[in-house]
Each structure stands twice: as C-alpha cells, then as structure tokens.
C-alpha cells in the first residue's frame, strides 16, 4: 500500500430528489468524489476517484426520518496503485 497523504479533501456533486407522490415522502441523493482512505482516517491517496454514494431517507412523520446510506469503497488501483476500501453502509433515524 502506498503511504497516504495526511491531508486532502472530498467533494460531492450530489443529485437530490424529494419524492412526495408516494404514501410517505422519500428523499434520494447520490454521487461523490474522494481521495480518502477509510473515509480519510488512514489519510488520503494521491489519486482522486469517483465513487457511488447513495442515500435514501423515508419520512413516516413530518419530524422523523429513517434512512439508509451506502458508499462504494474507492479503488485506487486504476493508476497502478493497490489500495481498495471496503463498501460502507449506515442506517440512521432521527
């Protein structure tokens, strides 16, 4: 594994859609660009990659949401590197 940089940044170019035609409102969004290794915890790679990032939130009541977030782990092997992150998911309620 190549040594990671100690600083870097991610950016999102997110498409979001709030769907109100269903029995309960649903918010859907996705897309991301990253250099992070384990979300930046292990530092940042020298190359940038675009990954899939998807979020779905259901609002069963106006003040409560239940959601699922899924992030495809970046693969920095395209330019000769050998670092691959695992996929990440998170279930939330608020």
PDB file of N, CA and C in Angstrom:
ATOM      1  N   UNK A   1       0.846  -1.180   0.000  1.00  0.00           N
ATOM      2  CA  UNK A   1       0.000   0.000   0.000  1.00  0.00           C
ATOM      3  C   UNK A   1       0.886   1.236   0.000  1.00  0.00           C
ATOM      4  N   UNK A   2       0.556   2.188  -0.852  1.00  0.00           N
ATOM      5  CA  UNK A   2       1.306   3.443  -0.892  1.00  0.00           C
ATOM      6  C   UNK A   2       1.049   4.234   0.384  1.00  0.00           C
ATOM      7  N   UNK A   3       2.054   4.979   0.853  1.00  0.00           N
ATOM      8  CA  UNK A   3       1.808   5.820   2.027  1.00  0.00           C
ATOM      9  C   UNK A   3       0.735   6.853   1.708  1.00  0.00           C
ATOM     10  N   UNK A   4      -0.128   7.101   2.655  1.00  0.00           N
ATOM     11  CA  UNK A   4      -1.209   8.064   2.453  1.00  0.00           C
ATOM     12  C   UNK A   4      -0.749   9.464   2.817  1.00  0.00           C
ATOM     13  N   UNK A   5      -1.294  10.458   2.128  1.00  0.00           N
ATOM     14  CA  UNK A   5      -1.063  11.853   2.494  1.00  0.00           C
ATOM     15  C   UNK A   5      -1.816  12.132   3.779  1.00  0.00           C
ATOM     16  N   UNK A   6      -1.346  13.111   4.546  1.00  0.00           N
ATOM     17  CA  UNK A   6      -2.013  13.431   5.804  1.00  0.00           C
ATOM     18  C   UNK A   6      -3.116  14.464   5.643  1.00  0.00           C
ATOM     19  N   UNK A   7      -3.231  15.058   4.471  1.00  0.00           N
ATOM     20  CA  UNK A   7      -4.330  15.996   4.258  1.00  0.00           C
ATOM     21  C   UNK A   7      -4.915  15.797   2.870  1.00  0.00           C
ATOM     22  N   UNK A   8      -6.143  16.180   2.723  1.00  0.00           N
ATOM     23  CA  UNK A   8      -6.864  16.033   1.466  1.00  0.00           C
ATOM     24  C   UNK A   8      -8.296  16.464   1.671  1.00  0.00           C
ATOM     25  N   UNK A   9      -9.097  16.314   0.645  1.00  0.00           N
ATOM     26  CA  UNK A   9     -10.496  16.722   0.745  1.00  0.00           C
ATOM     27  C   UNK A   9     -11.348  15.890  -0.192  1.00  0.00           C
ATOM     28  N   UNK A  10     -12.598  15.782   0.160  1.00  0.00           N
ATOM     29  CA  UNK A  10     -13.605  15.135  -0.671  1.00  0.00           C
ATOM     30  C   UNK A  10     -14.564  16.210  -1.158  1.00  0.00           C
ATOM     31  N   UNK A  11     -15.205  15.953  -2.273  1.00  0.00           N
ATOM     32  CA  UNK A  11     -16.286  16.848  -2.660  1.00  0.00           C
ATOM     33  C   UNK A  11     -17.429  16.041  -3.236  1.00  0.00           C
ATOM     34  N   UNK A  12     -18.600  16.601  -3.088  1.00  0.00           N
ATOM     35  CA  UNK A  12     -19.821  15.965  -3.537  1.00  0.00           C
ATOM     36  C   UNK A  12     -20.405  16.774  -4.684  1.00  0.00           C
ATOM     37  N   UNK A  13     -20.806  16.099  -5.710  1.00  0.00           N
ATOM     38  CA  UNK A  13     -21.659  16.680  -6.730  1.00  0.00           C
ATOM     39  C   UNK A  13     -22.912  15.819  -6.640  1.00  0.00           C
ATOM     40  N   UNK A  14     -23.850  16.295  -5.877  1.00  0.00           N
ATOM     41  CA  UNK A  14     -24.977  15.461  -5.467  1.00  0.00           C
ATOM     42  C   UNK A  14     -26.240  15.814  -6.238  1.00  0.00           C
ATOM     43  N   UNK A  15     -26.897  14.793  -6.714  1.00  0.00           N
ATOM     44  CA  UNK A  15     -28.237  14.942  -7.291  1.00  0.00           C
ATOM     45  C   UNK A  15     -29.226  14.493  -6.213  1.00  0.00           C
ATOM     46  N   UNK A  16     -30.186  15.334  -5.911  1.00  0.00           N
ATOM     47  CA  UNK A  16     -31.154  15.044  -4.856  1.00  0.00           C
ATOM     48  C   UNK A  16     -32.568  15.177  -5.411  1.00  0.00           C
ATOM     49  N   UNK A  17     -33.413  14.269  -4.987  1.00  0.00           N
ATOM     50  CA  UNK A  17     -34.824  14.314  -5.399  1.00  0.00           C
ATOM     51  C   UNK A  17     -35.689  14.044  -4.179  1.00  0.00           C
ATOM     52  N   UNK A  18     -36.617  14.939  -3.908  1.00  0.00           N
ATOM     53  CA  UNK A  18     -37.589  14.758  -2.827  1.00  0.00           C
ATOM     54  C   UNK A  18     -38.890  14.289  -3.464  1.00  0.00           C
ATOM     55  N   UNK A  19     -39.272  13.057  -3.201  1.00  0.00           N
ATOM     56  CA  UNK A  19     -40.438  12.442  -3.843  1.00  0.00           C
ATOM     57  C   UNK A  19     -41.627  12.527  -2.891  1.00  0.00           C
ATOM     58  N   UNK A  20     -42.647  13.261  -3.287  1.00  0.00           N
ATOM     59  CA  UNK A  20     -43.827  13.438  -2.426  1.00  0.00           C
ATOM     60  C   UNK A  20     -45.050  12.680  -2.946  1.00  0.00           C
ATOM     61  N   UNK A  21     -44.925  12.001  -4.084  1.00  0.00           N
ATOM     62  CA  UNK A  21     -46.059  11.301  -4.669  1.00  0.00           C
ATOM     63  C   UNK A  21     -46.269   9.906  -4.062  1.00  0.00           C
ATOM     64  N   UNK A  22     -45.407   9.460  -3.193  1.00  0.00           N
ATOM     65  CA  UNK A  22     -45.535   8.149  -2.548  1.00  0.00           C
ATOM     66  C   UNK A  22     -46.373   8.289  -1.279  1.00  0.00           C
ATOM     67  N   UNK A  23     -46.767   7.178  -0.663  1.00  0.00           N
ATOM     68  CA  UNK A  23     -47.559   7.275   0.577  1.00  0.00           C
ATOM     69  C   UNK A  23     -46.856   8.069   1.686  1.00  0.00           C
ATOM     70  N   UNK A  24     -45.521   8.008   1.741  1.00  0.00           N
ATOM     71  CA  UNK A  24     -44.737   8.841   2.658  1.00  0.00           C
ATOM     72  C   UNK A  24     -43.634   9.517   1.847  1.00  0.00           C
ATOM     73  N   UNK A  25     -43.221  10.728   2.227  1.00  0.00           N
ATOM     74  CA  UNK A  25     -42.166  11.409   1.473  1.00  0.00           C
ATOM     75  C   UNK A  25     -40.833  10.646   1.542  1.00  0.00           C
ATOM     76  N   UNK A  26     -40.096  10.676   0.442  1.00  0.00           N
ATOM     77  CA  UNK A  26     -38.810   9.995   0.345  1.00  0.00           C
ATOM     78  C   UNK A  26     -37.799  10.965  -0.261  1.00  0.00           C
ATOM     79  N   UNK A  27     -36.610  11.024   0.338  1.00  0.00           N
ATOM     80  CA  UNK A  27     -35.517  11.839  -0.162  1.00  0.00           C
ATOM     81  C   UNK A  27     -34.425  10.908  -0.669  1.00  0.00           C
ATOM     82  N   UNK A  28     -34.006  11.091  -1.929  1.00  0.00           N
ATOM     83  CA  UNK A  28     -32.990  10.242  -2.554  1.00  0.00           C
ATOM     84  C   UNK A  28     -31.858  11.146  -3.044  1.00  0.00           C
ATOM     85  N   UNK A  29     -30.609  10.739  -2.805  1.00  0.00           N
ATOM     86  CA  UNK A  29     -29.471  11.509  -3.307  1.00  0.00           C
ATOM     87  C   UNK A  29     -28.282  10.596  -3.570  1.00  0.00           C
ATOM     88  N   UNK A  30     -27.305  11.084  -4.348  1.00  0.00           N
ATOM     89  CA  UNK A  30     -26.138  10.271  -4.625  1.00  0.00           C
ATOM     90  C   UNK A  30     -25.065  10.971  -5.431  1.00  0.00           C
ATOM     91  N   UNK A  31     -23.858  10.363  -5.453  1.00  0.00           N
ATOM     92  CA  UNK A  31     -22.645  10.737  -6.201  1.00  0.00           C
ATOM     93  C   UNK A  31     -21.609  11.379  -5.291  1.00  0.00           C
ATOM     94  N   UNK A  32     -20.319  11.111  -5.556  1.00  0.00           N
ATOM     95  CA  UNK A  32     -19.248  11.635  -4.716  1.00  0.00           C
ATOM     96  C   UNK A  32     -17.897  11.462  -5.389  1.00  0.00           C
ATOM     97  N   UNK A  33     -16.945  12.305  -5.022  1.00  0.00           N
ATOM     98  CA  UNK A  33     -15.548  12.171  -5.436  1.00  0.00           C
ATOM     99  C   UNK A  33     -14.690  12.146  -4.176  1.00  0.00           C
ATOM    100  N   UNK A  34     -13.656  11.308  -4.149  1.00  0.00           N
ATOM    101  CA  UNK A  34     -12.862  11.177  -2.934  1.00  0.00           C
ATOM    102  C   UNK A  34     -11.400  10.888  -3.223  1.00  0.00           C
ATOM    103  N   UNK A  35     -10.559  11.203  -2.258  1.00  0.00           N
ATOM    104  CA  UNK A  35      -9.174  10.766  -2.183  1.00  0.00           C
ATOM    105  C   UNK A  35      -8.961   9.995  -0.878  1.00  0.00           C
ATOM    106  N   UNK A  36      -9.994   9.943  -0.042  1.00  0.00           N
ATOM    107  CA  UNK A  36      -9.887   9.373   1.295  1.00  0.00           C
ATOM    108  C   UNK A  36      -9.669   7.877   1.314  1.00  0.00           C
ATOM    109  N   UNK A  37      -8.862   7.438   2.260  1.00  0.00           N
ATOM    110  CA  UNK A  37      -8.675   6.017   2.538  1.00  0.00           C
ATOM    111  C   UNK A  37      -9.334   5.767   3.887  1.00  0.00           C
ATOM    112  N   UNK A  38     -10.319   4.873   3.924  1.00  0.00           N
ATOM    113  CA  UNK A  38     -11.166   4.644   5.092  1.00  0.00           C
ATOM    114  C   UNK A  38     -11.737   5.982   5.548  1.00  0.00           C
ATOM    115  N   UNK A  39     -12.390   6.658   4.617  1.00  0.00           N
ATOM    116  CA  UNK A  39     -13.047   7.947   4.830  1.00  0.00           C
ATOM    117  C   UNK A  39     -12.091   9.003   5.369  1.00  0.00           C
ATOM    118  N   UNK A  40     -10.814   8.889   5.036  1.00  0.00           N
ATOM    119  CA  UNK A  40      -9.813   9.858   5.467  1.00  0.00           C
ATOM    120  C   UNK A  40      -9.113   9.500   6.765  1.00  0.00           C
ATOM    121  N   UNK A  41      -9.568   8.469   7.456  1.00  0.00           N
ATOM    122  CA  UNK A  41      -8.955   8.086   8.728  1.00  0.00           C
ATOM    123  C   UNK A  41      -7.512   7.636   8.530  1.00  0.00           C
ATOM    124  N   UNK A  42      -7.234   6.895   7.449  1.00  0.00           N
ATOM    125  CA  UNK A  42      -5.869   6.460   7.149  1.00  0.00           C
ATOM    126  C   UNK A  42      -5.132   7.450   6.254  1.00  0.00           C
ATOM    127  N   UNK A  43      -5.705   8.613   6.058  1.00  0.00           N
ATOM    128  CA  UNK A  43      -5.084   9.625   5.205  1.00  0.00           C
ATOM    129  C   UNK A  43      -5.759   9.678   3.850  1.00  0.00           C
ATOM    130  N   UNK A  44      -5.036  10.235   2.884  1.00  0.00           N
ATOM    131  CA  UNK A  44      -5.601  10.479   1.571  1.00  0.00           C
ATOM    132  C   UNK A  44      -4.664   9.973   0.492  1.00  0.00           C
ATOM    133  N   UNK A  45      -5.229   9.371  -0.527  1.00  0.00           N
ATOM    134  CA  UNK A  45      -4.473   8.819  -1.634  1.00  0.00           C
ATOM    135  C   UNK A  45      -3.982   9.945  -2.530  1.00  0.00           C
ATOM    136  N   UNK A  46      -3.014   9.653  -3.382  1.00  0.00           N
ATOM    137  CA  UNK A  46      -2.506  10.659  -4.314  1.00  0.00           C
ATOM    138  C   UNK A  46      -3.408  10.826  -5.522  1.00  0.00           C
ATOM    139  N   UNK A  47      -4.273   9.851  -5.793  1.00  0.00           N
ATOM    140  CA  UNK A  47      -5.190   9.979  -6.922  1.00  0.00           C
ATOM    141  C   UNK A  47      -6.619  10.175  -6.436  1.00  0.00           C
ATOM    142  N   UNK A  48      -7.432  10.797  -7.258  1.00  0.00           N
ATOM    143  CA  UNK A  48      -8.848  11.035  -6.954  1.00  0.00           C
ATOM    144  C   UNK A  48      -9.681  10.055  -7.767  1.00  0.00           C
ATOM    145  N   UNK A  49     -10.756   9.573  -7.177  1.00  0.00           N
ATOM    146  CA  UNK A  49     -11.647   8.663  -7.881  1.00  0.00           C
ATOM    147  C   UNK A  49     -13.095   9.045  -7.602  1.00  0.00           C
ATOM    148  N   UNK A  50     -13.965   8.776  -8.547  1.00  0.00           N
ATOM    149  CA  UNK A  50     -15.397   8.995  -8.356  1.00  0.00           C
ATOM    150  C   UNK A  50     -16.011   7.685  -7.898  1.00  0.00           C
ATOM    151  N   UNK A  51     -16.828   7.776  -6.862  1.00  0.00           N
ATOM    152  CA  UNK A  51     -17.448   6.585  -6.292  1.00  0.00           C
ATOM    153  C   UNK A  51     -18.947   6.797  -6.201  1.00  0.00           C
ATOM    154  N   UNK A  52     -19.664   5.721  -6.027  1.00  0.00           N
ATOM    155  CA  UNK A  52     -21.099   5.818  -5.815  1.00  0.00           C
ATOM    156  C   UNK A  52     -21.398   6.045  -4.345  1.00  0.00           C
ATOM    157  N   UNK A  53     -22.234   6.997  -4.084  1.00  0.00           N
ATOM    158  CA  UNK A  53     -22.705   7.306  -2.739  1.00  0.00           C
ATOM    159  C   UNK A  53     -24.205   7.510  -2.856  1.00  0.00           C
ATOM    160  N   UNK A  54     -24.980   6.705  -2.155  1.00  0.00           N
ATOM    161  CA  UNK A  54     -26.427   6.753  -2.295  1.00  0.00           C
ATOM    162  C   UNK A  54     -27.059   6.878  -0.924  1.00  0.00           C
ATOM    163  N   UNK A  55     -28.063   7.707  -0.835  1.00  0.00           N
ATOM    164  CA  UNK A  55     -28.757   7.928   0.418  1.00  0.00           C
ATOM    165  C   UNK A  55     -30.260   7.938   0.150  1.00  0.00           C
ATOM    166  N   UNK A  56     -31.006   7.201   0.961  1.00  0.00           N
ATOM    167  CA  UNK A  56     -32.465   7.184   0.872  1.00  0.00           C
ATOM    168  C   UNK A  56     -33.013   7.429   2.275  1.00  0.00           C
ATOM    169  N   UNK A  57     -33.842   8.448   2.415  1.00  0.00           N
ATOM    170  CA  UNK A  57     -34.493   8.745   3.691  1.00  0.00           C
ATOM    171  C   UNK A  57     -35.996   8.741   3.501  1.00  0.00           C
ATOM    172  N   UNK A  58     -36.688   8.053   4.383  1.00  0.00           N
ATOM    173  CA  UNK A  58     -38.146   7.994   4.387  1.00  0.00           C
ATOM    174  C   UNK A  58     -38.626   8.805   5.586  1.00  0.00           C
ATOM    175  N   UNK A  59     -39.638   9.637   5.378  1.00  0.00           N
ATOM    176  CA  UNK A  59     -40.175  10.463   6.452  1.00  0.00           C
ATOM    177  C   UNK A  59     -41.580   9.979   6.812  1.00  0.00           C
ATOM    178  N   UNK A  60     -41.691   8.988   7.724  1.00  0.00           N
ATOM    179  CA  UNK A  60     -43.010   8.471   8.067  1.00  0.00           C
ATOM    180  C   UNK A  60     -43.877   9.491   8.799  1.00  0.00           C
ATOM    181  N   UNK A  61     -43.239  10.426   9.525  1.00  0.00           N
ATOM    182  CA  UNK A  61     -43.914  11.549  10.170  1.00  0.00           C
ATOM    183  C   UNK A  61     -43.138  12.810   9.807  1.00  0.00           C
ATOM    184  N   UNK A  62     -43.749  13.973   9.861  1.00  0.00           N
ATOM    185  CA  UNK A  62     -43.059  15.199   9.439  1.00  0.00           C
ATOM    186  C   UNK A  62     -41.747  15.476  10.184  1.00  0.00           C
ATOM    187  N   UNK A  63     -41.582  14.957  11.388  1.00  0.00           N
ATOM    188  CA  UNK A  63     -40.407  15.259  12.202  1.00  0.00           C
ATOM    189  C   UNK A  63     -39.527  14.028  12.483  1.00  0.00           C
ATOM    190  N   UNK A  64     -39.763  12.930  11.785  1.00  0.00           N
ATOM    191  CA  UNK A  64     -38.974  11.704  11.957  1.00  0.00           C
ATOM    192  C   UNK A  64     -38.538  11.190  10.592  1.00  0.00           C
ATOM    193  N   UNK A  65     -37.259  10.812  10.499  1.00  0.00           N
ATOM    194  CA  UNK A  65     -36.796  10.192   9.263  1.00  0.00           C
ATOM    195  C   UNK A  65     -36.047   8.907   9.592  1.00  0.00           C
ATOM    196  N   UNK A  66     -36.120   7.967   8.667  1.00  0.00           N
ATOM    197  CA  UNK A  66     -35.399   6.701   8.749  1.00  0.00           C
ATOM    198  C   UNK A  66     -34.658   6.572   7.427  1.00  0.00           C
ATOM    199  N   UNK A  67     -33.350   6.327   7.503  1.00  0.00           N
ATOM    200  CA  UNK A  67     -32.588   6.343   6.271  1.00  0.00           C
ATOM    201  C   UNK A  67     -31.546   5.251   6.168  1.00  0.00           C
ATOM    202  N   UNK A  68     -31.088   5.063   4.945  1.00  0.00           N
ATOM    203  CA  UNK A  68     -30.018   4.130   4.626  1.00  0.00           C
ATOM    204  C   UNK A  68     -29.028   4.853   3.731  1.00  0.00           C
ATOM    205  N   UNK A  69     -27.753   4.769   4.087  1.00  0.00           N
ATOM    206  CA  UNK A  69     -26.688   5.360   3.293  1.00  0.00           C
ATOM    207  C   UNK A  69     -25.769   4.234   2.851  1.00  0.00           C
ATOM    208  N   UNK A  70     -25.369   4.244   1.587  1.00  0.00           N
ATOM    209  CA  UNK A  70     -24.463   3.231   1.050  1.00  0.00           C
ATOM    210  C   UNK A  70     -23.375   3.924   0.246  1.00  0.00           C
ATOM    211  N   UNK A  71     -22.138   3.592   0.535  1.00  0.00           N
ATOM    212  CA  UNK A  71     -20.987   4.216  -0.126  1.00  0.00           C
ATOM    213  C   UNK A  71     -20.092   3.109  -0.658  1.00  0.00           C
ATOM    214  N   UNK A  72     -19.846   3.118  -1.951  1.00  0.00           N
ATOM    215  CA  UNK A  72     -18.976   2.121  -2.567  1.00  0.00           C
ATOM    216  C   UNK A  72     -17.534   2.502  -2.243  1.00  0.00           C
ATOM    217  N   UNK A  73     -16.771   1.543  -1.748  1.00  0.00           N
ATOM    218  CA  UNK A  73     -15.384   1.803  -1.390  1.00  0.00           C
ATOM    219  C   UNK A  73     -14.549   2.153  -2.606  1.00  0.00           C
ATOM    220  N   UNK A  74     -13.708   3.192  -2.502  1.00  0.00           N
ATOM    221  CA  UNK A  74     -12.889   3.584  -3.645  1.00  0.00           C
ATOM    222  C   UNK A  74     -11.817   2.544  -3.958  1.00  0.00           C
ATOM    223  N   UNK A  75     -11.517   2.410  -5.239  1.00  0.00           N
ATOM    224  CA  UNK A  75     -10.477   1.510  -5.722  1.00  0.00           C
ATOM    225  C   UNK A  75      -9.425   2.378  -6.403  1.00  0.00           C
ATOM    226  N   UNK A  76      -8.259   2.487  -5.779  1.00  0.00           N
ATOM    227  CA  UNK A  76      -7.199   3.324  -6.321  1.00  0.00           C
ATOM    228  C   UNK A  76      -6.225   2.531  -7.183  1.00  0.00           C
ATOM    229  N   UNK A  77      -6.629   1.361  -7.646  1.00  0.00           N
ATOM    230  CA  UNK A  77      -5.760   0.522  -8.451  1.00  0.00           C
ATOM    231  C   UNK A  77      -5.735   0.875  -9.922  1.00  0.00           C
ATOM    232  N   UNK A  78      -6.604   1.764 -10.377  1.00  0.00           N
ATOM    233  CA  UNK A  78      -6.693   2.097 -11.803  1.00  0.00           C
ATOM    234  C   UNK A  78      -5.398   2.718 -12.338  1.00  0.00           C
ATOM    235  N   UNK A  79      -4.667   3.435 -11.497  1.00  0.00           N
ATOM    236  CA  UNK A  79      -3.428   4.085 -11.946  1.00  0.00           C
ATOM    237  C   UNK A  79      -2.189   3.331 -11.472  1.00  0.00           C
ATOM    238  N   UNK A  80      -2.341   2.065 -11.188  1.00  0.00           N
ATOM    239  CA  UNK A  80      -1.197   1.272 -10.760  1.00  0.00           C
ATOM    240  C   UNK A  80      -1.070   1.143  -9.258  1.00  0.00           C
ATOM    241  N   UNK A  81      -1.933   1.807  -8.497  1.00  0.00           N
ATOM    242  CA  UNK A  81      -1.921   1.661  -7.039  1.00  0.00           C
ATOM    243  C   UNK A  81      -2.512   0.322  -6.649  1.00  0.00           C
ATOM    244  N   UNK A  82      -2.499   0.039  -5.371  1.00  0.00           N
ATOM    245  CA  UNK A  82      -3.035  -1.246  -4.941  1.00  0.00           C
ATOM    246  C   UNK A  82      -3.914  -1.117  -3.709  1.00  0.00           C
ATOM    247  N   UNK A  83      -4.553   0.027  -3.496  1.00  0.00           N
ATOM    248  CA  UNK A  83      -5.390   0.223  -2.319  1.00  0.00           C
ATOM    249  C   UNK A  83      -6.864   0.181  -2.708  1.00  0.00           C
ATOM    250  N   UNK A  84      -7.630  -0.627  -1.990  1.00  0.00           N
ATOM    251  CA  UNK A  84      -9.076  -0.739  -2.205  1.00  0.00           C
ATOM    252  C   UNK A  84      -9.757  -0.649  -0.845  1.00  0.00           C
ATOM    253  N   UNK A  85     -10.707   0.265  -0.700  1.00  0.00           N
ATOM    254  CA  UNK A  85     -11.517   0.361   0.512  1.00  0.00           C
ATOM    255  C   UNK A  85     -12.699  -0.587   0.421  1.00  0.00           C
ATOM    256  N   UNK A  86     -13.215  -1.011   1.537  1.00  0.00           N
ATOM    257  CA  UNK A  86     -14.448  -1.777   1.565  1.00  0.00           C
ATOM    258  C   UNK A  86     -15.651  -0.867   1.410  1.00  0.00           C
ATOM    259  N   UNK A  87     -16.783  -1.441   1.065  1.00  0.00           N
ATOM    260  CA  UNK A  87     -18.023  -0.675   0.985  1.00  0.00           C
ATOM    261  C   UNK A  87     -18.469  -0.299   2.396  1.00  0.00           C
ATOM    262  N   UNK A  88     -19.271   0.741   2.488  1.00  0.00           N
ATOM    263  CA  UNK A  88     -19.712   1.280   3.764  1.00  0.00           C
ATOM    264  C   UNK A  88     -21.219   1.471   3.713  1.00  0.00           C
ATOM    265  N   UNK A  89     -21.893   1.125   4.795  1.00  0.00           N
ATOM    266  CA  UNK A  89     -23.321   1.437   4.876  1.00  0.00           C
ATOM    267  C   UNK A  89     -23.651   1.898   6.271  1.00  0.00           C
ATOM    268  N   UNK A  90     -24.728   2.652   6.373  1.00  0.00           N
ATOM    269  CA  UNK A  90     -25.152   3.216   7.632  1.00  0.00           C
ATOM    270  C   UNK A  90     -26.666   3.298   7.629  1.00  0.00           C
ATOM    271  N   UNK A  91     -27.276   2.888   8.726  1.00  0.00           N
ATOM    272  CA  UNK A  91     -28.723   3.018   8.911  1.00  0.00           C
ATOM    273  C   UNK A  91     -28.924   4.072   9.986  1.00  0.00           C
ATOM    274  N   UNK A  92     -29.810   5.032   9.725  1.00  0.00           N
ATOM    275  CA  UNK A  92     -29.999   6.124  10.687  1.00  0.00           C
ATOM    276  C   UNK A  92     -31.466   6.406  10.904  1.00  0.00           C
ATOM    277  N   UNK A  93     -31.742   7.030  12.029  1.00  0.00           N
ATOM    278  CA  UNK A  93     -33.093   7.503  12.353  1.00  0.00           C
ATOM    279  C   UNK A  93     -32.946   8.790  13.159  1.00  0.00           C
ATOM    280  N   UNK A  94     -33.837   9.692  12.912  1.00  0.00           N
ATOM    281  CA  UNK A  94     -33.746  10.967  13.656  1.00  0.00           C
ATOM    282  C   UNK A  94     -35.051  11.691  13.702  1.00  0.00           C
TER     283      UNK A  94
END
